[in-house]
N, C-alpha and C. Protein backbone atom coordinates (compact mmCIF):
# COMPACT_ATOMS: atom_id res chain seq x y z
N MET A 1 50.21 38.60 -32.78
CA MET A 1 50.50 37.46 -31.95
C MET A 1 50.12 36.17 -32.68
N THR A 2 50.84 35.16 -32.35
CA THR A 2 50.57 33.88 -33.00
C THR A 2 49.50 33.11 -32.23
N ALA A 3 49.02 32.06 -32.81
CA ALA A 3 47.98 31.24 -32.18
C ALA A 3 48.49 30.59 -30.90
N VAL A 4 49.74 30.21 -30.87
CA VAL A 4 50.32 29.57 -29.69
C VAL A 4 50.34 30.54 -28.51
N VAL A 5 50.68 31.80 -28.76
CA VAL A 5 50.71 32.80 -27.70
C VAL A 5 49.30 33.04 -27.18
N TRP A 6 48.32 33.17 -28.07
CA TRP A 6 46.93 33.36 -27.66
C TRP A 6 46.45 32.16 -26.82
N TRP A 7 46.82 30.97 -27.25
CA TRP A 7 46.42 29.77 -26.52
C TRP A 7 47.04 29.78 -25.11
N ALA A 8 48.29 30.16 -24.99
CA ALA A 8 48.97 30.20 -23.70
C ALA A 8 48.33 31.25 -22.78
N VAL A 9 47.98 32.41 -23.33
CA VAL A 9 47.34 33.47 -22.54
C VAL A 9 45.97 33.01 -22.07
N ALA A 10 45.21 32.39 -22.96
CA ALA A 10 43.87 31.91 -22.60
C ALA A 10 43.95 30.82 -21.52
N THR A 11 44.89 29.92 -21.64
CA THR A 11 45.07 28.86 -20.65
C THR A 11 45.44 29.45 -19.29
N ALA A 12 46.33 30.41 -19.28
CA ALA A 12 46.72 31.07 -18.03
C ALA A 12 45.54 31.78 -17.39
N ALA A 13 44.71 32.43 -18.20
CA ALA A 13 43.53 33.13 -17.68
C ALA A 13 42.55 32.14 -17.06
N VAL A 14 42.35 31.01 -17.71
CA VAL A 14 41.44 29.99 -17.18
C VAL A 14 41.95 29.45 -15.85
N VAL A 15 43.24 29.21 -15.77
CA VAL A 15 43.83 28.70 -14.53
C VAL A 15 43.68 29.71 -13.41
N VAL A 16 43.93 30.98 -13.69
CA VAL A 16 43.81 32.03 -12.67
C VAL A 16 42.36 32.14 -12.19
N LEU A 17 41.40 32.12 -13.11
CA LEU A 17 39.98 32.19 -12.73
C LEU A 17 39.57 30.98 -11.89
N ALA A 18 40.05 29.80 -12.25
CA ALA A 18 39.72 28.60 -11.48
C ALA A 18 40.28 28.69 -10.07
N CYS A 19 41.50 29.21 -9.93
CA CYS A 19 42.10 29.37 -8.61
C CYS A 19 41.33 30.38 -7.76
N LEU A 20 40.90 31.47 -8.37
CA LEU A 20 40.12 32.47 -7.64
C LEU A 20 38.78 31.91 -7.19
N ARG A 21 38.12 31.15 -8.05
CA ARG A 21 36.83 30.53 -7.67
C ARG A 21 37.02 29.53 -6.55
N ALA A 22 38.07 28.74 -6.61
CA ALA A 22 38.33 27.75 -5.56
C ALA A 22 38.61 28.45 -4.23
N ARG A 23 39.38 29.53 -4.28
CA ARG A 23 39.68 30.27 -3.05
C ARG A 23 38.41 30.87 -2.46
N ASP A 24 37.53 31.42 -3.31
CA ASP A 24 36.27 31.97 -2.84
C ASP A 24 35.38 30.89 -2.23
N ALA A 25 35.34 29.72 -2.86
CA ALA A 25 34.53 28.62 -2.34
C ALA A 25 35.05 28.17 -0.97
N LEU A 26 36.36 28.09 -0.82
CA LEU A 26 36.94 27.72 0.48
C LEU A 26 36.62 28.76 1.54
N ALA A 27 36.67 30.03 1.16
CA ALA A 27 36.35 31.10 2.11
C ALA A 27 34.88 31.03 2.53
N ARG A 28 33.99 30.75 1.59
CA ARG A 28 32.56 30.62 1.93
C ARG A 28 32.33 29.42 2.85
N ARG A 29 33.00 28.31 2.57
CA ARG A 29 32.86 27.12 3.43
C ARG A 29 33.37 27.40 4.84
N ARG A 30 34.48 28.12 4.92
CA ARG A 30 35.04 28.45 6.24
C ARG A 30 34.09 29.36 7.01
N GLN A 31 33.51 30.35 6.33
CA GLN A 31 32.54 31.24 6.99
C GLN A 31 31.32 30.46 7.46
N ALA A 32 30.83 29.54 6.63
CA ALA A 32 29.67 28.72 7.02
C ALA A 32 30.00 27.86 8.23
N ARG A 33 31.21 27.29 8.25
CA ARG A 33 31.63 26.46 9.39
C ARG A 33 31.70 27.29 10.67
N LEU A 34 32.25 28.50 10.58
CA LEU A 34 32.36 29.36 11.76
C LEU A 34 30.99 29.82 12.25
N ARG A 35 30.08 30.14 11.32
CA ARG A 35 28.72 30.53 11.73
C ARG A 35 27.99 29.36 12.38
N ALA A 36 28.16 28.16 11.82
CA ALA A 36 27.52 26.97 12.40
C ALA A 36 28.06 26.68 13.79
N GLU A 37 29.36 26.84 13.97
CA GLU A 37 29.98 26.62 15.28
C GLU A 37 29.45 27.63 16.30
N ALA A 38 29.32 28.90 15.90
CA ALA A 38 28.79 29.93 16.80
C ALA A 38 27.34 29.63 17.18
N LEU A 39 26.54 29.18 16.20
CA LEU A 39 25.14 28.85 16.48
C LEU A 39 25.05 27.67 17.44
N LEU A 40 25.87 26.65 17.23
CA LEU A 40 25.87 25.49 18.12
C LEU A 40 26.23 25.92 19.54
N LEU A 41 27.28 26.72 19.70
CA LEU A 41 27.70 27.16 21.03
C LEU A 41 26.61 28.00 21.71
N ALA A 42 25.85 28.76 20.92
CA ALA A 42 24.78 29.57 21.50
C ALA A 42 23.64 28.68 22.03
N TRP A 43 23.40 27.53 21.42
CA TRP A 43 22.32 26.64 21.83
C TRP A 43 22.73 25.69 22.95
N LEU A 44 24.00 25.50 23.19
CA LEU A 44 24.44 24.56 24.22
C LEU A 44 24.35 25.18 25.60
N SER A 45 24.05 24.34 26.59
CA SER A 45 24.06 24.80 27.99
C SER A 45 25.52 25.01 28.40
N PRO A 46 25.77 25.70 29.51
CA PRO A 46 27.16 25.91 29.93
C PRO A 46 27.93 24.60 30.11
N GLY A 47 27.30 23.59 30.68
CA GLY A 47 27.97 22.30 30.86
C GLY A 47 28.28 21.62 29.53
N GLN A 48 27.32 21.66 28.60
CA GLN A 48 27.53 21.08 27.29
C GLN A 48 28.61 21.84 26.52
N ARG A 49 28.60 23.18 26.67
CA ARG A 49 29.61 24.00 26.00
C ARG A 49 31.02 23.65 26.49
N ALA A 50 31.15 23.44 27.80
CA ALA A 50 32.46 23.07 28.35
C ALA A 50 32.89 21.70 27.83
N GLN A 51 31.95 20.74 27.76
CA GLN A 51 32.28 19.41 27.22
C GLN A 51 32.70 19.53 25.76
N TYR A 52 31.97 20.31 24.99
CA TYR A 52 32.27 20.43 23.56
C TYR A 52 33.64 21.06 23.32
N ARG A 53 33.94 22.11 24.07
CA ARG A 53 35.23 22.77 23.89
C ARG A 53 36.39 21.90 24.34
N ALA A 54 36.18 21.10 25.39
CA ALA A 54 37.26 20.26 25.92
C ALA A 54 37.44 18.98 25.12
N ARG A 55 36.32 18.35 24.68
CA ARG A 55 36.42 17.02 24.10
C ARG A 55 35.91 16.89 22.67
N GLY A 56 35.17 17.90 22.18
CA GLY A 56 34.63 17.82 20.83
C GLY A 56 33.29 17.11 20.76
N TRP A 57 32.70 16.76 21.89
CA TRP A 57 31.37 16.16 21.95
C TRP A 57 30.67 16.68 23.19
N PHE A 58 29.35 16.43 23.28
CA PHE A 58 28.58 16.84 24.46
C PHE A 58 27.48 15.82 24.70
N GLU A 59 26.97 15.79 25.92
CA GLU A 59 25.93 14.84 26.30
C GLU A 59 24.59 15.54 26.34
N VAL A 60 23.56 14.79 25.93
CA VAL A 60 22.19 15.29 25.91
C VAL A 60 21.33 14.32 26.71
N THR A 61 20.46 14.86 27.56
CA THR A 61 19.50 14.05 28.30
C THR A 61 18.12 14.32 27.73
N THR A 62 17.42 13.25 27.34
CA THR A 62 16.10 13.41 26.72
C THR A 62 15.03 13.56 27.80
N ALA A 63 13.79 13.83 27.38
CA ALA A 63 12.68 13.97 28.31
C ALA A 63 12.42 12.66 29.04
N ALA A 64 12.72 11.53 28.41
CA ALA A 64 12.52 10.22 29.02
C ALA A 64 13.66 9.85 29.97
N GLY A 65 14.69 10.68 30.05
CA GLY A 65 15.80 10.43 30.95
C GLY A 65 16.96 9.66 30.33
N HIS A 66 16.90 9.34 29.04
CA HIS A 66 18.00 8.64 28.38
C HIS A 66 19.12 9.64 28.08
N ARG A 67 20.35 9.15 28.20
CA ARG A 67 21.50 10.01 27.92
C ARG A 67 22.17 9.58 26.63
N TYR A 68 22.53 10.58 25.82
CA TYR A 68 23.21 10.35 24.55
C TYR A 68 24.44 11.25 24.49
N ARG A 69 25.45 10.78 23.80
CA ARG A 69 26.64 11.59 23.54
C ARG A 69 26.61 11.97 22.06
N VAL A 70 26.52 13.27 21.78
CA VAL A 70 26.50 13.77 20.40
C VAL A 70 27.94 14.12 20.04
N ARG A 71 28.44 13.45 19.01
CA ARG A 71 29.81 13.68 18.57
C ARG A 71 29.84 13.84 17.06
N ARG A 72 30.96 14.23 16.53
CA ARG A 72 31.09 14.37 15.09
C ARG A 72 30.93 12.99 14.45
N GLY A 73 29.99 12.87 13.54
CA GLY A 73 29.80 11.61 12.84
C GLY A 73 28.79 10.68 13.47
N GLY A 74 28.19 11.02 14.59
CA GLY A 74 27.19 10.13 15.15
C GLY A 74 26.85 10.42 16.59
N ILE A 75 25.90 9.63 17.09
CA ILE A 75 25.39 9.78 18.45
C ILE A 75 25.53 8.42 19.13
N VAL A 76 25.96 8.40 20.38
CA VAL A 76 26.11 7.17 21.13
C VAL A 76 25.15 7.21 22.31
N ARG A 77 24.40 6.13 22.49
CA ARG A 77 23.52 6.03 23.66
C ARG A 77 24.36 5.56 24.84
N LEU A 78 24.22 6.27 25.98
CA LEU A 78 25.06 5.97 27.13
C LEU A 78 24.40 5.05 28.15
N ASP A 79 23.05 4.99 28.19
CA ASP A 79 22.41 4.14 29.18
C ASP A 79 21.62 3.03 28.55
N PRO A 80 21.70 2.03 28.13
CA PRO A 80 22.76 1.06 28.07
C PRO A 80 23.70 1.38 26.93
N ARG A 81 24.95 1.10 27.16
CA ARG A 81 25.98 1.40 26.16
C ARG A 81 25.93 0.41 25.00
N GLY A 82 26.55 0.83 23.91
CA GLY A 82 26.71 -0.10 22.80
C GLY A 82 26.03 0.32 21.52
N SER A 83 24.94 1.06 21.61
CA SER A 83 24.23 1.47 20.40
C SER A 83 24.70 2.84 19.95
N ALA A 84 24.89 2.98 18.66
CA ALA A 84 25.24 4.27 18.08
C ALA A 84 24.27 4.55 16.94
N TYR A 85 24.05 5.81 16.66
CA TYR A 85 23.07 6.22 15.66
C TYR A 85 23.68 7.30 14.78
N CYS A 86 23.17 7.40 13.55
CA CYS A 86 23.59 8.50 12.70
C CYS A 86 22.45 8.90 11.78
N ILE A 87 22.38 10.19 11.51
CA ILE A 87 21.48 10.76 10.52
C ILE A 87 22.33 11.72 9.71
N GLU A 88 22.27 11.60 8.41
CA GLU A 88 23.08 12.46 7.55
C GLU A 88 22.15 13.34 6.72
N ALA A 89 22.47 14.60 6.60
CA ALA A 89 21.68 15.53 5.80
C ALA A 89 21.83 15.18 4.32
N VAL A 90 20.79 15.47 3.54
CA VAL A 90 20.83 15.19 2.11
C VAL A 90 21.84 16.10 1.42
N SER A 91 21.84 17.37 1.77
CA SER A 91 22.80 18.30 1.19
C SER A 91 23.94 18.52 2.18
N PRO A 92 25.14 18.83 1.70
CA PRO A 92 26.26 19.01 2.62
C PRO A 92 26.08 20.24 3.51
N VAL A 93 26.21 20.03 4.80
CA VAL A 93 26.11 21.11 5.78
C VAL A 93 27.30 20.99 6.73
N PRO A 94 27.66 22.04 7.43
CA PRO A 94 28.74 21.96 8.41
C PRO A 94 28.43 20.95 9.51
N VAL A 95 29.45 20.35 10.06
CA VAL A 95 29.29 19.33 11.10
C VAL A 95 28.57 19.90 12.31
N ALA A 96 28.86 21.14 12.67
CA ALA A 96 28.22 21.75 13.84
C ALA A 96 26.71 21.87 13.63
N ASP A 97 26.26 22.12 12.40
CA ASP A 97 24.82 22.16 12.13
C ASP A 97 24.19 20.80 12.31
N GLU A 98 24.88 19.74 11.87
CA GLU A 98 24.36 18.38 12.07
C GLU A 98 24.28 18.05 13.56
N MET A 99 25.30 18.44 14.32
CA MET A 99 25.29 18.17 15.75
C MET A 99 24.16 18.90 16.44
N LEU A 100 23.91 20.16 16.05
CA LEU A 100 22.82 20.93 16.64
C LEU A 100 21.46 20.32 16.28
N ALA A 101 21.30 19.90 15.03
CA ALA A 101 20.04 19.27 14.63
C ALA A 101 19.79 17.99 15.42
N ASN A 102 20.83 17.19 15.62
CA ASN A 102 20.68 15.97 16.40
C ASN A 102 20.33 16.27 17.85
N LYS A 103 20.95 17.28 18.43
CA LYS A 103 20.66 17.69 19.81
C LYS A 103 19.21 18.10 19.96
N LEU A 104 18.74 18.97 19.05
CA LEU A 104 17.37 19.46 19.14
C LEU A 104 16.36 18.34 18.91
N LEU A 105 16.65 17.44 17.98
CA LEU A 105 15.73 16.33 17.73
C LEU A 105 15.68 15.39 18.93
N LEU A 106 16.81 15.11 19.54
CA LEU A 106 16.82 14.26 20.73
C LEU A 106 16.06 14.90 21.89
N GLU A 107 16.23 16.18 22.09
CA GLU A 107 15.58 16.85 23.23
C GLU A 107 14.08 17.02 23.02
N THR A 108 13.64 17.14 21.78
CA THR A 108 12.22 17.40 21.53
C THR A 108 11.43 16.17 21.14
N ASP A 109 12.02 15.24 20.39
CA ASP A 109 11.28 14.09 19.89
C ASP A 109 12.21 12.88 19.73
N GLU A 110 12.51 12.24 20.85
CA GLU A 110 13.44 11.11 20.84
C GLU A 110 12.89 9.95 20.00
N ARG A 111 11.59 9.72 20.05
CA ARG A 111 11.01 8.61 19.28
C ARG A 111 11.20 8.81 17.78
N ARG A 112 11.04 10.04 17.31
CA ARG A 112 11.25 10.32 15.89
C ARG A 112 12.72 10.15 15.51
N PHE A 113 13.60 10.59 16.41
CA PHE A 113 15.03 10.40 16.16
C PHE A 113 15.35 8.92 15.99
N LEU A 114 14.86 8.08 16.91
CA LEU A 114 15.14 6.65 16.85
C LEU A 114 14.51 6.00 15.62
N ALA A 115 13.36 6.52 15.18
CA ALA A 115 12.71 5.97 13.99
C ALA A 115 13.46 6.36 12.71
N THR A 116 14.10 7.51 12.72
CA THR A 116 14.78 8.02 11.52
C THR A 116 16.23 7.57 11.42
N ALA A 117 16.91 7.51 12.55
CA ALA A 117 18.36 7.27 12.56
C ALA A 117 18.71 5.84 12.20
N HIS A 118 19.89 5.70 11.63
CA HIS A 118 20.46 4.38 11.35
C HIS A 118 21.20 3.93 12.60
N ARG A 119 20.88 2.72 13.08
CA ARG A 119 21.50 2.20 14.31
C ARG A 119 22.61 1.22 13.94
N TYR A 120 23.72 1.31 14.66
CA TYR A 120 24.82 0.37 14.48
C TYR A 120 25.54 0.20 15.81
N ARG A 121 26.39 -0.81 15.90
CA ARG A 121 27.12 -1.05 17.13
C ARG A 121 28.24 -0.02 17.25
N ASP A 122 28.38 0.56 18.43
CA ASP A 122 29.43 1.54 18.67
C ASP A 122 30.77 0.84 18.71
N THR A 123 31.67 1.22 17.82
CA THR A 123 32.98 0.57 17.74
C THR A 123 33.93 1.02 18.84
N ASP A 124 33.59 2.07 19.59
CA ASP A 124 34.45 2.53 20.67
C ASP A 124 34.23 1.73 21.95
N GLN A 125 33.16 0.93 22.00
CA GLN A 125 32.82 0.17 23.20
C GLN A 125 33.43 -1.22 23.13
N PRO A 126 33.78 -1.80 24.27
CA PRO A 126 34.28 -3.18 24.25
C PRO A 126 33.18 -4.13 23.81
N ARG A 127 33.55 -5.13 23.04
CA ARG A 127 32.58 -6.08 22.53
C ARG A 127 32.36 -7.20 23.54
N ARG A 128 31.12 -7.67 23.59
CA ARG A 128 30.78 -8.78 24.48
C ARG A 128 30.50 -10.00 23.63
N GLY A 129 30.63 -11.15 24.25
CA GLY A 129 30.29 -12.38 23.54
C GLY A 129 31.46 -12.91 22.73
N ARG A 130 31.16 -13.87 21.90
CA ARG A 130 32.18 -14.56 21.14
C ARG A 130 32.63 -13.71 19.96
N ARG A 131 33.90 -13.76 19.67
CA ARG A 131 34.45 -13.04 18.51
C ARG A 131 34.56 -14.00 17.34
N ARG A 132 34.36 -13.47 16.15
CA ARG A 132 34.50 -14.28 14.94
C ARG A 132 35.98 -14.55 14.67
N THR A 133 36.22 -15.72 14.13
CA THR A 133 37.58 -16.01 13.69
C THR A 133 37.82 -15.31 12.37
N PRO A 134 39.08 -15.09 11.97
CA PRO A 134 39.34 -14.39 10.71
C PRO A 134 38.75 -15.09 9.49
N THR A 135 38.56 -16.41 9.55
CA THR A 135 38.03 -17.13 8.39
C THR A 135 36.51 -17.21 8.39
N GLU A 136 35.88 -16.87 9.51
CA GLU A 136 34.42 -16.93 9.59
C GLU A 136 33.81 -15.81 8.76
N PRO A 137 32.78 -16.10 7.97
CA PRO A 137 32.20 -15.06 7.12
C PRO A 137 31.50 -13.98 7.93
N VAL A 138 31.53 -12.78 7.41
CA VAL A 138 30.86 -11.65 8.02
C VAL A 138 29.41 -11.67 7.56
N PRO A 139 28.44 -11.46 8.47
CA PRO A 139 27.04 -11.47 8.04
C PRO A 139 26.78 -10.42 6.97
N ALA A 140 25.89 -10.75 6.06
CA ALA A 140 25.58 -9.85 4.95
C ALA A 140 24.78 -8.65 5.44
N VAL A 141 25.12 -7.48 4.94
CA VAL A 141 24.42 -6.24 5.24
C VAL A 141 24.17 -5.55 3.92
N PRO A 142 22.96 -5.03 3.68
CA PRO A 142 22.73 -4.33 2.42
C PRO A 142 23.63 -3.11 2.31
N HIS A 143 24.08 -2.81 1.10
CA HIS A 143 24.99 -1.69 0.88
C HIS A 143 24.26 -0.56 0.18
N GLY A 144 24.79 0.63 0.34
CA GLY A 144 24.27 1.80 -0.36
C GLY A 144 23.34 2.61 0.51
N PRO A 145 23.02 3.82 0.04
CA PRO A 145 22.17 4.70 0.84
C PRO A 145 20.71 4.28 0.77
N ARG A 146 19.96 4.62 1.80
CA ARG A 146 18.52 4.43 1.78
C ARG A 146 17.88 5.76 2.19
N ARG A 147 16.80 6.12 1.55
CA ARG A 147 16.16 7.40 1.79
C ARG A 147 15.01 7.20 2.77
N ILE A 148 15.02 8.01 3.85
CA ILE A 148 13.95 8.00 4.82
C ILE A 148 13.53 9.45 4.99
N GLY A 149 12.36 9.77 4.52
CA GLY A 149 11.89 11.16 4.61
C GLY A 149 12.81 12.07 3.82
N LYS A 150 13.33 13.10 4.48
CA LYS A 150 14.20 14.05 3.80
C LYS A 150 15.67 13.79 4.10
N THR A 151 15.97 12.64 4.73
CA THR A 151 17.36 12.34 5.03
C THR A 151 17.79 11.08 4.29
N VAL A 152 19.06 10.94 4.10
CA VAL A 152 19.62 9.75 3.50
C VAL A 152 20.56 9.12 4.51
N THR A 153 20.36 7.85 4.79
CA THR A 153 21.27 7.17 5.69
C THR A 153 22.05 6.15 4.89
N ARG A 154 23.31 6.01 5.21
CA ARG A 154 24.14 5.03 4.54
C ARG A 154 24.28 3.81 5.44
N VAL A 155 24.11 2.66 4.88
CA VAL A 155 24.24 1.43 5.64
C VAL A 155 25.71 1.14 5.83
N ARG A 156 26.09 0.86 7.05
CA ARG A 156 27.48 0.61 7.39
C ARG A 156 27.86 -0.80 6.98
N ARG A 157 28.99 -0.94 6.33
CA ARG A 157 29.47 -2.25 5.90
C ARG A 157 30.21 -2.93 7.04
N PRO A 158 30.09 -4.23 7.16
CA PRO A 158 30.80 -4.95 8.23
C PRO A 158 32.30 -4.76 8.09
N GLY A 159 32.96 -4.66 9.22
CA GLY A 159 34.41 -4.55 9.21
C GLY A 159 34.93 -3.14 9.11
N GLN A 160 34.05 -2.15 8.92
CA GLN A 160 34.52 -0.78 8.84
C GLN A 160 34.84 -0.29 10.25
N GLY A 161 35.81 0.57 10.35
CA GLY A 161 36.17 1.14 11.64
C GLY A 161 35.24 2.29 11.98
N ILE A 162 35.80 3.39 12.43
CA ILE A 162 35.01 4.55 12.77
C ILE A 162 34.39 5.10 11.50
N VAL A 163 33.10 5.34 11.54
CA VAL A 163 32.39 5.81 10.37
C VAL A 163 32.19 7.31 10.51
N PRO A 164 32.89 8.14 9.71
CA PRO A 164 32.76 9.58 9.86
C PRO A 164 31.38 10.08 9.52
N THR A 165 30.73 9.47 8.53
CA THR A 165 29.35 9.78 8.22
C THR A 165 28.59 8.47 8.24
N CYS A 166 27.31 8.56 8.16
CA CYS A 166 26.48 7.35 8.29
C CYS A 166 26.88 6.33 7.31
């Protein structure tokens, strides 16, 4: 065989191995997502489970009586409305695991949750007060992640819409 044929065979083998590894990685991620979803559903109360299956979010009541809505990408405080919070894991985990961690932290230690989480205005709520004109400058906000304990929170930039992660 010539060098060109050997090169073509080796390239094809590398491509096939890369495809197999990618398929295995996707299968592992899918299994992790399904296990995380099952664990979350096992920890939710029947009412929370019904909310989650119907709407993709559920409400949590803390020991102090505050109500929060835990959704993908963040938590919204319901009594008074307007504040939203997020905590992002340092390593990538399934969304259902993040939602379960937020639920458990809110139910057991709301003060620690509020001290750790990044707070921002909920963009789903109607805004009160005066609106900025298009030419008015947006207030400066520091950019980039900040490390708090074992979590990393990302500072939200002004003008961003729905923030899927912190």
